[in-house]
Protein backbone atom coordinates (compact mmCIF):
# COMPACT_ATOMS: atom_id res chain seq x y z
CA MET A 1 -0.02 0.02 0.03
CA ARG A 2 2.69 2.42 0.96
CA ILE A 3 4.80 1.59 -2.06
CA SER A 4 1.92 2.11 -4.58
CA ARG A 5 0.99 5.30 -2.77
CA PHE A 6 4.42 6.54 -3.11
CA TYR A 7 4.50 5.68 -6.80
CA HIS A 8 1.30 7.45 -7.32
CA ILE A 9 2.66 10.61 -5.66
CA GLN A 10 5.90 10.47 -7.65
CA LYS A 11 3.89 9.92 -10.76
CA THR A 12 1.63 13.03 -10.08
CA LEU A 13 4.53 15.19 -9.36
CA LEU A 14 6.52 14.15 -12.48
CA GLN A 15 3.33 14.42 -14.78
CA PHE A 16 3.00 18.00 -13.66
CA GLY A 17 6.65 18.63 -14.30
CA LEU A 18 7.43 19.57 -10.74
CA ASP A 19 10.99 18.25 -11.08
CA GLU A 20 11.63 21.64 -12.71
CA LEU A 21 11.44 23.16 -9.20
CA ILE A 22 14.87 21.67 -8.62
CA PRO A 23 17.58 23.88 -10.19
CA PRO A 24 19.58 22.09 -12.85
CA GLN A 25 22.83 22.64 -10.87
CA TRP A 26 21.33 20.73 -8.09
CA GLN A 27 20.81 17.71 -10.21
CA PRO A 28 23.67 15.36 -10.66
CA TRP A 29 24.12 13.39 -14.01
CA TYR A 30 22.78 10.23 -12.67
CA ALA A 31 19.49 11.99 -11.34
CA ARG A 32 18.99 13.58 -14.83
CA LEU A 33 19.53 10.07 -16.46
CA PHE A 34 17.08 8.41 -14.24
CA ARG A 35 14.52 11.16 -14.87
CA ARG A 36 14.80 10.63 -18.63
CA SER A 37 14.54 6.86 -18.25
CA LEU A 38 10.92 7.47 -16.94
CA PHE A 39 9.77 8.43 -20.36
CA TRP A 40 6.16 7.45 -19.65
CA LEU A 41 5.98 10.06 -16.95
CA ARG A 42 6.39 13.13 -19.08
CA ASN A 43 5.08 16.73 -18.19
CA ARG A 44 1.56 16.80 -19.48
CA HIS A 45 0.99 20.49 -18.76
CA PRO A 46 4.00 22.26 -20.26
CA GLN A 47 1.84 25.31 -21.24
CA GLN A 48 0.96 25.97 -17.45
CA PRO A 49 3.26 28.10 -15.32
CA ILE A 50 5.00 26.15 -12.60
CA GLY A 51 3.01 27.68 -9.78
CA VAL A 52 -0.27 26.59 -11.43
CA ARG A 53 1.06 23.19 -11.99
CA LEU A 54 2.15 22.85 -8.35
CA ARG A 55 -1.33 23.89 -7.20
CA LEU A 56 -3.03 21.46 -9.58
CA ALA A 57 -0.78 18.58 -8.48
CA LEU A 58 -1.49 19.09 -4.94
CA GLN A 59 -5.22 19.14 -5.60
CA SER A 60 -5.06 16.00 -7.49
CA LEU A 61 -3.22 14.24 -4.58
CA GLY A 62 -6.19 14.74 -2.36
CA PRO A 63 -7.16 16.57 0.85
CA VAL A 64 -4.17 15.99 2.86
CA TRP A 65 -1.86 17.53 0.29
CA VAL A 66 -4.36 20.36 -0.30
CA LYS A 67 -4.07 21.31 3.40
CA PHE A 68 -0.24 21.02 3.14
CA GLY A 69 -0.29 23.43 0.26
CA GLN A 70 -2.55 25.82 2.22
CA MET A 71 -0.05 25.63 5.02
CA LEU A 72 2.89 26.12 2.71
CA SER A 73 1.26 29.33 1.15
CA THR A 74 1.66 30.98 4.54
CA ARG A 75 5.52 30.18 4.69
CA ARG A 76 6.53 32.97 2.23
CA ASP A 77 9.99 32.96 3.86
CA LEU A 78 10.59 29.76 1.98
CA PHE A 79 8.97 30.24 -1.39
CA PRO A 80 9.14 32.99 -4.06
CA PRO A 81 6.00 35.05 -4.28
CA HIS A 82 4.74 33.54 -7.54
CA LEU A 83 4.53 30.08 -5.87
CA ALA A 84 3.15 31.28 -2.59
CA ASP A 85 0.48 33.42 -4.31
CA GLU A 86 -0.65 30.32 -6.39
CA LEU A 87 -0.63 28.01 -3.35
CA ALA A 88 -2.93 30.60 -1.56
CA LYS A 89 -5.62 29.85 -4.24
CA LEU A 90 -5.90 26.26 -2.99
CA GLN A 91 -9.59 25.77 -2.17
CA ASP A 92 -10.58 23.01 0.25
CA LYS A 93 -13.61 21.92 -1.83
CA VAL A 94 -13.71 18.26 -1.48
CA PRO A 95 -16.57 15.82 -2.53
CA SER A 96 -18.73 14.76 0.42
CA PHE A 97 -18.86 11.17 1.66
CA ASP A 98 -22.16 9.37 2.04
CA GLY A 99 -24.63 11.04 4.33
CA ALA A 100 -25.96 7.63 5.60
CA GLN A 101 -22.43 6.67 6.53
CA ALA A 102 -22.11 10.05 8.48
CA GLN A 103 -25.28 9.37 10.29
CA GLN A 104 -23.99 5.95 11.32
CA LEU A 105 -20.69 7.46 12.57
CA ILE A 106 -22.73 10.03 14.68
CA GLU A 107 -24.93 7.24 16.15
CA GLN A 108 -21.78 5.23 17.06
CA ALA A 109 -19.95 8.17 18.69
CA LEU A 110 -23.04 9.36 20.67
CA GLU A 111 -24.17 5.71 21.47
CA LEU A 112 -27.48 6.08 19.95
CA GLU A 113 -29.72 3.28 18.59
CA ASP A 114 -31.36 5.82 16.10
CA ILE A 115 -30.28 9.46 15.44
CA ALA A 116 -33.93 10.47 16.02
CA GLN A 117 -33.47 9.87 19.79
CA LEU A 118 -31.48 13.14 19.99
CA PHE A 119 -31.96 14.95 16.70
CA SER A 120 -34.95 15.94 14.79
CA GLY A 121 -34.85 16.58 11.00
CA PHE A 122 -31.28 15.32 10.48
CA GLU A 123 -30.22 16.27 6.95
CA GLN A 124 -28.17 13.47 5.32
CA THR A 125 -27.04 16.01 2.60
CA PRO A 126 -24.13 17.84 4.12
CA LEU A 127 -24.09 21.72 4.49
CA ALA A 128 -20.43 21.78 3.76
CA SER A 129 -17.69 19.35 3.11
CA ALA A 130 -13.86 19.88 3.61
CA SER A 131 -10.78 17.75 3.64
CA ILE A 132 -11.02 16.62 7.26
CA ALA A 133 -14.78 16.65 8.11
CA GLN A 134 -18.19 17.66 6.84
CA VAL A 135 -21.18 19.29 8.34
CA HIS A 136 -24.86 18.27 8.64
CA SER A 137 -27.71 20.35 9.88
CA ALA A 138 -30.27 19.03 12.38
CA ARG A 139 -32.43 20.15 15.32
CA LEU A 140 -31.27 19.14 18.80
CA ILE A 141 -33.99 17.74 21.23
CA GLN A 142 -33.15 19.49 24.54
CA PRO A 143 -33.99 18.07 27.92
CA ASP A 144 -36.87 20.44 28.27
CA GLY A 145 -38.42 19.37 25.03
CA ASN A 146 -37.50 22.41 22.98
CA LEU A 147 -35.63 22.20 19.66
CA ALA A 148 -32.42 24.01 18.93
CA ASP A 149 -30.96 24.47 15.36
CA VAL A 150 -27.56 22.84 15.30
CA VAL A 151 -24.83 21.60 13.00
CA ILE A 152 -23.05 18.30 13.48
CA LYS A 153 -19.48 18.16 12.39
CA VAL A 154 -18.15 14.63 11.74
CA ILE A 155 -14.56 13.47 10.79
CA ARG A 156 -14.34 11.57 7.61
CA PRO A 157 -14.11 7.87 7.95
CA ASP A 158 -10.62 6.37 7.75
CA ILE A 159 -9.07 9.84 7.15
CA ARG A 160 -6.53 9.28 10.09
CA GLN A 161 -5.04 6.32 8.35
CA GLN A 162 -4.71 8.11 5.16
CA ILE A 163 -3.23 11.21 6.85
CA LEU A 164 -0.66 9.07 8.86
CA ALA A 165 0.44 7.24 5.63
CA ASP A 166 0.83 10.48 3.69
CA LEU A 167 2.63 12.11 6.62
CA ALA A 168 5.15 9.20 6.63
CA LEU A 169 5.82 9.73 2.96
CA MET A 170 6.09 13.50 3.34
CA GLU A 171 8.70 12.94 6.06
CA THR A 172 10.60 10.47 3.78
CA LEU A 173 10.67 13.15 1.08
CA ALA A 174 11.58 15.96 3.46
CA ASP A 175 14.49 13.91 4.88
CA ALA A 176 15.74 13.29 1.25
CA ALA A 177 15.45 16.96 0.48
CA ALA A 178 17.29 18.11 3.56
CA ARG A 179 19.98 15.56 2.88
CA PHE A 180 20.56 15.94 -0.85
CA LEU A 181 19.43 19.38 -1.82
CA PRO A 182 22.19 22.01 -1.46
CA ASP A 183 19.65 24.51 0.00
CA GLY A 184 18.05 21.79 2.20
CA LYS A 185 19.36 23.22 5.44
CA ARG A 186 17.96 26.79 4.89
CA LEU A 187 14.59 25.33 3.69
CA ARG A 188 14.28 23.15 6.72
CA PRO A 189 11.81 20.71 5.15
CA ARG A 190 11.90 18.33 8.22
CA GLU A 191 10.66 21.17 10.47
CA VAL A 192 8.04 22.22 7.91
CA VAL A 193 6.49 18.71 7.75
CA SER A 194 6.74 18.46 11.44
CA GLU A 195 4.74 21.61 11.97
CA TYR A 196 2.21 20.38 9.49
CA ARG A 197 1.96 16.98 11.34
CA LYS A 198 1.00 18.74 14.67
CA THR A 199 -1.45 21.12 12.84
CA ILE A 200 -3.47 18.41 11.01
CA LEU A 201 -3.43 15.87 13.81
CA ASP A 202 -4.79 18.51 16.10
CA GLU A 203 -7.62 19.14 13.60
CA LEU A 204 -8.57 15.46 13.84
CA ASP A 205 -9.64 15.88 17.47
CA LEU A 206 -12.97 17.70 17.47
CA GLN A 207 -12.92 17.79 21.36
CA ARG A 208 -9.91 19.94 21.14
CA GLU A 209 -11.65 22.19 18.66
CA ALA A 210 -14.71 22.29 20.92
CA ALA A 211 -12.54 23.43 23.97
CA ASN A 212 -10.96 26.10 21.71
CA ALA A 213 -14.41 27.39 20.79
CA ILE A 214 -15.63 27.51 24.26
CA GLN A 215 -12.55 29.45 25.35
CA LEU A 216 -12.95 31.97 22.48
CA ARG A 217 -16.60 32.32 23.28
CA ARG A 218 -15.82 33.17 26.90
CA ASN A 219 -13.16 35.62 25.89
CA PHE A 220 -15.74 37.54 23.82
CA ASP A 221 -18.75 37.14 25.90
CA ASN A 222 -21.17 40.09 25.35
CA SER A 223 -18.82 41.55 22.76
CA ASP A 224 -20.15 43.79 19.97
CA SER A 225 -17.41 42.67 17.65
CA LEU A 226 -17.22 38.83 17.58
CA TYR A 227 -19.66 36.00 18.25
CA ILE A 228 -18.59 32.36 18.62
CA PRO A 229 -21.43 29.82 18.28
CA PHE A 230 -22.34 27.72 21.43
CA VAL A 231 -20.88 24.19 21.56
CA TYR A 232 -22.90 21.47 23.11
CA SER A 233 -19.91 19.94 24.80
CA ASP A 234 -22.00 17.05 26.28
CA TYR A 235 -22.50 15.64 22.64
CA SER A 236 -19.01 16.30 21.51
CA ARG A 237 -16.68 13.41 20.86
CA PRO A 238 -13.18 13.11 19.18
CA ASN A 239 -14.81 12.64 15.77
CA VAL A 240 -18.19 14.38 16.34
CA MET A 241 -18.94 17.92 17.44
CA VAL A 242 -22.42 19.52 17.95
CA MET A 243 -22.77 23.26 17.82
CA GLU A 244 -25.27 26.10 17.46
CA ARG A 245 -26.16 26.76 13.87
CA ILE A 246 -25.54 30.39 12.58
CA TYR A 247 -27.31 32.29 9.90
CA GLY A 248 -24.68 34.91 8.94
CA ILE A 249 -23.43 36.33 5.57
CA PRO A 250 -20.10 34.92 4.37
CA VAL A 251 -17.59 37.84 4.90
CA SER A 252 -16.48 37.32 1.19
CA ASP A 253 -20.02 38.12 -0.11
CA ILE A 254 -19.33 41.86 -0.44
CA ALA A 255 -22.52 42.33 -2.50
CA ALA A 256 -24.78 40.85 0.14
CA LEU A 257 -23.14 42.92 2.88
CA GLN A 258 -23.55 46.09 0.97
CA ALA A 259 -27.21 45.14 -0.01
CA GLN A 260 -28.23 45.15 3.66
CA GLY A 261 -26.47 48.42 4.37
CA THR A 262 -23.59 47.13 6.37
CA ASP A 263 -21.22 49.70 7.80
CA MET A 264 -18.14 48.45 5.86
CA GLU A 265 -15.61 50.84 7.32
CA LEU A 266 -16.56 49.76 10.94
CA LEU A 267 -16.67 46.16 10.03
CA ALA A 268 -13.18 46.35 8.58
CA LYS A 269 -11.86 48.16 11.72
CA ARG A 270 -13.46 45.69 14.02
CA GLY A 271 -11.75 42.94 12.27
CA VAL A 272 -8.36 44.47 13.16
CA GLU A 273 -9.45 45.16 16.73
CA VAL A 274 -10.68 41.60 17.18
CA PHE A 275 -7.33 40.30 16.06
CA PHE A 276 -5.18 42.45 18.41
CA THR A 277 -7.50 41.90 21.18
CA GLN A 278 -7.14 38.08 20.81
CA VAL A 279 -3.29 38.45 20.55
CA PHE A 280 -2.50 41.12 23.25
CA ARG A 281 -5.39 40.84 25.69
CA ASP A 282 -6.17 37.09 25.72
CA SER A 283 -2.91 35.66 24.34
CA PHE A 284 -5.22 33.16 22.54
CA PHE A 285 -6.13 33.81 18.95
CA HIS A 286 -8.14 31.98 16.17
CA ALA A 287 -5.11 31.07 13.72
CA ASP A 288 -7.31 30.08 10.76
CA MET A 289 -9.32 33.15 10.11
CA HIS A 290 -9.55 32.81 6.30
CA PRO A 291 -12.92 34.01 4.59
CA GLY A 292 -14.53 30.55 4.72
CA ASN A 293 -14.40 30.58 8.50
CA ILE A 294 -15.82 34.06 8.94
CA PHE A 295 -19.43 35.27 8.68
CA VAL A 296 -21.09 38.59 9.52
CA SER A 297 -24.33 38.75 11.59
CA ARG A 298 -27.49 39.84 9.82
CA ASP A 299 -28.66 41.69 12.91
CA ASN A 300 -28.07 45.44 13.18
CA PRO A 301 -26.00 46.09 9.90
CA GLN A 302 -24.93 49.50 11.26
CA ASN A 303 -23.30 47.79 14.18
CA PRO A 304 -21.90 44.82 12.48
CA LYS A 305 -20.58 41.68 14.28
CA TYR A 306 -18.45 38.97 13.06
CA ILE A 307 -19.16 35.34 13.61
CA GLY A 308 -16.25 32.85 13.83
CA ILE A 309 -16.30 29.14 13.22
CA ASP A 310 -13.80 26.23 12.84
CA CYS A 311 -11.55 26.86 15.84
CA GLY A 312 -9.42 23.83 15.22
CA ILE A 313 -6.11 25.85 14.90
CA VAL A 314 -5.39 28.45 17.58
CA GLY A 315 -2.21 30.35 18.59
CA THR A 316 -0.90 31.37 21.85
CA LEU A 317 1.79 33.86 23.00
CA ASN A 318 3.47 34.00 26.31
CA ALA A 319 3.93 37.29 28.21
CA GLU A 320 7.54 37.89 26.93
CA ASP A 321 6.54 37.23 23.29
CA LYS A 322 3.58 39.65 23.58
CA ARG A 323 5.59 42.41 25.17
CA TYR A 324 8.37 42.24 22.58
CA LEU A 325 6.01 41.91 19.75
CA ALA A 326 4.02 45.00 20.76
CA GLU A 327 7.23 47.01 21.40
CA ASN A 328 8.42 45.78 17.94
CA PHE A 329 5.14 47.06 16.28
CA VAL A 330 5.42 50.45 17.98
CA ALA A 331 9.07 50.84 17.20
CA PHE A 332 8.24 50.12 13.58
CA PHE A 333 5.47 52.75 13.58
CA ASN A 334 8.11 55.19 14.83
CA ARG A 335 10.75 53.87 12.41
CA ASP A 336 13.07 53.25 15.36
CA TYR A 337 14.98 50.39 13.85
CA LYS A 338 17.73 50.36 16.53
CA LYS A 339 15.14 49.47 19.12
CA VAL A 340 13.69 46.82 16.78
CA ALA A 341 17.01 45.12 16.41
CA GLN A 342 17.78 45.41 20.20
CA LEU A 343 14.35 43.91 21.07
CA HIS A 344 15.13 40.87 18.80
CA VAL A 345 18.43 40.28 20.64
CA ASP A 346 16.78 40.85 24.13
CA SER A 347 13.85 38.40 23.28
CA GLY A 348 16.38 35.72 22.29
CA TRP A 349 14.82 35.50 18.77
CA VAL A 350 18.18 36.08 17.27
CA PRO A 351 21.56 34.92 19.13
CA ALA A 352 22.96 37.10 21.75
CA HIS A 353 26.30 37.53 19.76
CA THR A 354 24.43 39.38 16.95
CA LYS A 355 25.83 42.87 16.28
CA VAL A 356 22.99 45.23 16.79
CA GLU A 357 24.36 47.82 14.52
CA GLU A 358 24.56 45.36 11.53
CA PHE A 359 20.98 43.97 12.24
CA GLU A 360 19.64 47.58 12.51
CA SER A 361 21.30 48.49 9.13
CA ALA A 362 19.77 45.32 7.53
CA ILE A 363 16.21 46.13 8.76
CA ARG A 364 16.59 49.74 7.66
CA THR A 365 17.58 48.58 4.14
CA VAL A 366 14.42 46.29 3.93
CA CYS A 367 11.95 48.71 5.47
CA GLU A 368 12.85 52.16 4.43
CA PRO A 369 11.67 51.62 0.84
CA ILE A 370 8.29 50.35 2.15
CA PHE A 371 7.80 53.63 4.30
CA GLN A 372 8.11 55.64 1.08
CA LYS A 373 4.59 54.75 0.30
CA PRO A 374 1.49 56.30 2.12
CA LEU A 375 0.65 54.43 5.20
CA ALA A 376 -2.68 53.31 3.76
CA GLU A 377 -0.81 51.52 1.00
CA ILE A 378 1.55 49.63 3.23
CA SER A 379 0.85 45.91 4.06
CA PHE A 380 1.23 45.39 7.88
CA GLY A 381 1.58 41.67 7.31
CA HIS A 382 4.20 41.97 4.65
CA VAL A 383 6.33 44.35 6.78
CA LEU A 384 6.27 41.57 9.61
CA LEU A 385 7.20 39.07 6.90
CA ASN A 386 10.18 41.15 5.84
CA LEU A 387 11.13 41.62 9.41
CA PHE A 388 11.20 37.81 9.96
CA ASN A 389 13.08 37.22 6.67
CA THR A 390 15.77 39.73 7.58
CA ALA A 391 16.10 38.30 11.10
CA ARG A 392 16.50 34.81 9.68
CA ARG A 393 19.56 35.99 7.87
CA PHE A 394 21.00 36.54 11.41
CA ASP A 395 20.20 33.00 12.26
CA MET A 396 16.80 33.67 13.80
CA GLN A 397 15.19 30.34 14.60
CA VAL A 398 11.65 29.68 13.28
CA GLN A 399 9.11 30.67 16.09
CA PRO A 400 6.01 28.47 15.48
CA GLN A 401 3.77 30.91 17.32
CA LEU A 402 5.04 33.78 15.27
CA VAL A 403 4.39 31.95 12.00
CA LEU A 404 0.72 31.43 13.01
CA LEU A 405 0.50 35.04 13.92
CA GLN A 406 2.02 36.17 10.67
CA LYS A 407 -0.50 33.97 8.71
CA THR A 408 -3.44 35.26 10.72
CA LEU A 409 -2.30 38.94 10.31
CA LEU A 410 -2.10 38.42 6.56
CA TYR A 411 -5.64 37.02 6.55
CA ILE A 412 -7.07 39.77 8.60
CA GLU A 413 -5.35 42.61 6.59
CA GLY A 414 -6.42 41.11 3.25
CA LEU A 415 -9.95 40.66 4.62
CA GLY A 416 -10.14 44.21 5.94
CA ARG A 417 -8.94 45.74 2.75
CA GLN A 418 -11.42 43.69 0.75
CA LEU A 419 -14.15 44.99 2.92
CA TYR A 420 -12.93 48.57 3.01
CA PRO A 421 -10.08 49.28 0.59
CA GLN A 422 -9.28 52.55 2.24
CA LEU A 423 -8.52 50.82 5.44
CA ASP A 424 -5.32 52.16 7.16
CA LEU A 425 -4.40 49.16 9.38
CA TRP A 426 -1.38 51.12 10.85
CA LYS A 427 -3.70 53.98 11.93
CA THR A 428 -6.21 51.51 13.32
CA ALA A 429 -3.63 49.35 15.15
CA LYS A 430 -1.17 52.00 16.52
CA PRO A 431 -3.32 53.38 19.25
CA PHE A 432 -4.36 49.88 20.44
CA LEU A 433 -0.73 48.82 20.76
CA GLU A 434 0.56 52.08 22.22
CA ASN A 435 -2.17 51.85 24.92
CA TRP A 436 -1.44 48.23 25.66
CA VAL A 437 2.26 48.93 26.01
CA LYS A 438 1.43 51.76 28.42
CA GLN A 439 -0.66 49.37 30.52
CA GLN A 440 2.24 46.98 30.84
CA VAL A 441 4.70 49.55 32.34
CA GLY A 442 4.43 52.31 35.14
CA LEU A 443 2.27 52.59 38.10
CA PRO A 444 -1.04 51.02 36.58
CA ALA A 445 0.94 47.84 35.79
CA ILE A 446 2.49 47.60 39.20
CA TRP A 447 -0.92 48.18 40.77
CA ARG A 448 -2.42 45.39 38.57
CA GLN A 449 0.41 43.00 39.58
CA VAL A 450 -0.21 43.88 43.37
CA LYS A 451 -4.01 43.21 42.90
CA GLU A 452 -3.34 39.91 41.18
CA ASN A 453 -0.87 38.71 43.80
CA LEU A 454 -2.82 40.10 46.85
CA PRO A 455 -4.81 36.82 47.55
CA PHE A 456 -1.50 34.80 47.57
CA TRP A 457 0.23 37.38 49.70
CA ALA A 458 -2.87 37.37 52.19
CA GLU A 459 -2.79 33.67 52.37
CA LYS A 460 0.92 33.59 53.17
CA LEU A 461 0.94 36.68 55.63
CA PRO A 462 0.04 34.67 58.80
CA GLN A 463 2.91 32.30 58.15
CA MET A 464 5.43 35.12 57.84
CA PRO A 465 6.45 35.34 61.57
CA ASN A 466 7.05 31.50 61.72
CA LEU A 467 9.02 31.62 58.41
CA LEU A 468 11.16 34.55 59.61
CA HIS A 469 11.73 32.74 63.05
CA GLN A 470 12.72 29.46 61.18
CA TYR A 471 15.15 31.43 58.98
CA LEU A 472 16.77 33.25 61.77
CA GLU A 473 17.16 29.89 63.81
CA GLN A 474 18.38 27.76 60.81
CA GLY A 475 20.45 30.43 59.07
CA PRO A 476 23.55 30.21 61.18
CA LYS A 477 23.32 26.38 61.16
CA GLN A 478 23.04 26.14 57.43
CA GLN A 479 25.97 28.77 57.03
CA ARG A 480 28.09 26.45 59.19
CA GLN A 481 27.03 23.28 57.23
CA LEU A 482 27.92 25.30 53.96
CA LEU A 483 31.35 26.26 55.28
CA GLN A 484 32.10 22.70 56.26
CA GLN A 485 31.05 21.48 52.82
CA LEU A 486 33.43 24.11 51.19
CA GLN A 487 36.29 23.03 53.44
CA HIS A 488 35.69 19.36 52.60
CA LEU A 489 35.63 20.28 48.92
CA ALA A 490 38.89 22.23 49.17
CA VAL A 491 40.47 19.21 50.91
CA GLN A 492 39.19 16.88 48.29
CA GLN A 493 40.57 19.15 45.56
CA ARG A 494 44.03 19.23 47.20
CA LYS A 495 44.11 15.49 47.43
CA THR A 496 42.98 15.17 43.85
CA ARG A 497 45.75 17.62 42.65
CA GLN A 498 48.35 15.64 44.61
CA GLN A 499 47.12 12.41 43.13
CA ILE A 500 47.41 13.78 39.64
CA ILE A 501 50.96 15.02 40.29
CA ALA A 502 52.01 11.56 41.82
CA ALA A 503 50.51 9.75 38.80
CA THR A 504 52.29 11.99 36.37
CA PHE A 505 55.63 11.40 38.15
CA ALA A 506 54.94 7.65 38.20
CA ALA A 507 54.19 7.70 34.52
CA ALA A 508 57.30 9.64 33.76
CA LEU A 509 59.50 7.47 35.83
CA LEU A 510 58.10 4.33 34.21
CA ILE A 511 58.90 5.59 30.80
CA SER A 512 62.35 6.62 31.81
CA ALA A 513 63.01 3.12 33.28
CA SER A 514 61.78 1.44 30.06
CA MET A 515 64.19 3.64 27.94
CA LEU A 516 67.23 2.71 30.29
CA LEU A 517 66.32 -0.85 30.10
CA CYS A 518 66.57 -0.65 26.37
CA PHE A 519 70.23 0.42 26.75
CA ASP A 520 70.93 -2.37 29.18
CA ASN A 521 71.23 -0.03 32.22
CA LEU A 522 69.65 -2.50 34.57
CA VAL A 523 70.57 -0.79 37.91
CA SER A 524 69.30 2.67 36.98
CA SER A 525 66.28 1.07 35.31
CA ALA A 526 65.44 -0.86 38.49
CA VAL A 527 65.79 2.31 40.71
CA LEU A 528 63.54 4.37 38.39
CA PHE A 529 61.09 1.45 38.28
CA ALA A 530 61.02 1.29 42.19
CA ALA A 531 60.42 5.01 42.32
CA SER A 532 57.73 4.71 39.77
CA VAL A 533 55.90 1.98 41.93
CA ILE A 534 56.20 4.27 45.00
CA CYS A 535 54.61 7.27 43.20
CA GLY A 536 51.92 5.10 41.63
CA SER A 537 51.06 3.53 45.02
CA ARG A 538 50.82 7.10 46.51
CA ALA A 539 48.55 8.19 43.65
CA TRP A 540 46.40 5.09 44.14
CA ARG A 541 45.99 5.78 47.86
């Protein structure tokens, strides 16, 4: 099975002429000879550009490879723009599997004899079908007898086995690329496939997605900007998830949004605010916010609200990453490249030995031409991308959480400008970031830290007299013990030094005795040998 799948993949790649992606100077004569010997696997699409052929090849290989291409489209640090742009066009439109089989999977997961025990009006025809799962509509029979409109997401049967098999082949190909391609080390194919493995296997667990959705919903409870559908966690399993059905307008349907009188400028600005709120307030952000996962509520078009679904991929940032990232953004707004360079070194994103002046000069060289444009025409996401690419030249290691952040920012910026082309993302984001940075320093931040730690301090305060008494009582004793240990260590070191000296003399005397023995000087040799034994025995003791 694995051999036949491997052959099918190689056949597809060659029939789309993707061997052209390997530069001729990287192909030894025996590789070119082997390629020519496969005369029945010729490029059948020579008239198409290489980027188009790459996209079509991934589509023909199936859903696992389609999602891999989607992930690669976000790694613009690894691919030239014409390839990344073409990969970004990959659409996850996959034929659905049989609705009766989906019903059977739901019944098995929820331990139902008949789906009608829990759901009324289950539709076997799916609402939507993707590479990992498909969605069916139904009405949930609640304990009080009322009916709730829901959607049931169910993982495709046997998809895990297919994914694991294809991942194993991807890892084999990545290992070969890293080993034999001259640029394999820079491209880091093993790390790319490893990143994809984690992402796609996480998406196979719908209980993880349900937990992510519940967290995001709690973070934006009563928000005017974002609504996350309710998840019925009692009826969610690793391969089945039940959630509230929403009736919004796809965010990509500009005509429908305009027809209902949506405030497009406010909608675009709220998209930016939602993103930065998730990142900097919550440290927990929806990392798959492409147009297919975003809807707009039909209620109150003058005060529009986003609806987010498909929370399988989320990103998190720790406190240090957040602070350095926010300060980086503000420094960029102010074109303070030296601070940007210093922040990268301080954060550990680039090695400590990096020369800040050289790094500053490299950042200025990349970014100054960008700032010659009006701010409204500058792509925030691409500035971040240029920053990461420049830092990588200075041995910056790939930060997975920053890759997700970059991908999400590119989605949000593209979406915002599609909704409202005049959107100035810099102007929208700068006050938010400056305000956040101010909140992290100074007296307000200190007072917030005091309030957060106050319950802990109050709990420990009654114990302070006892702890102080124990310290004062045990302190001198511990100091004496430490002094004794240091003295013992000093004695041991002195003995070790003497042993080394004695062993060295013993070895030297033994070598001298051997040399004298070669010259038949038996008396001197015997004396030196005896001295060597004495020194050796002393070293042994």
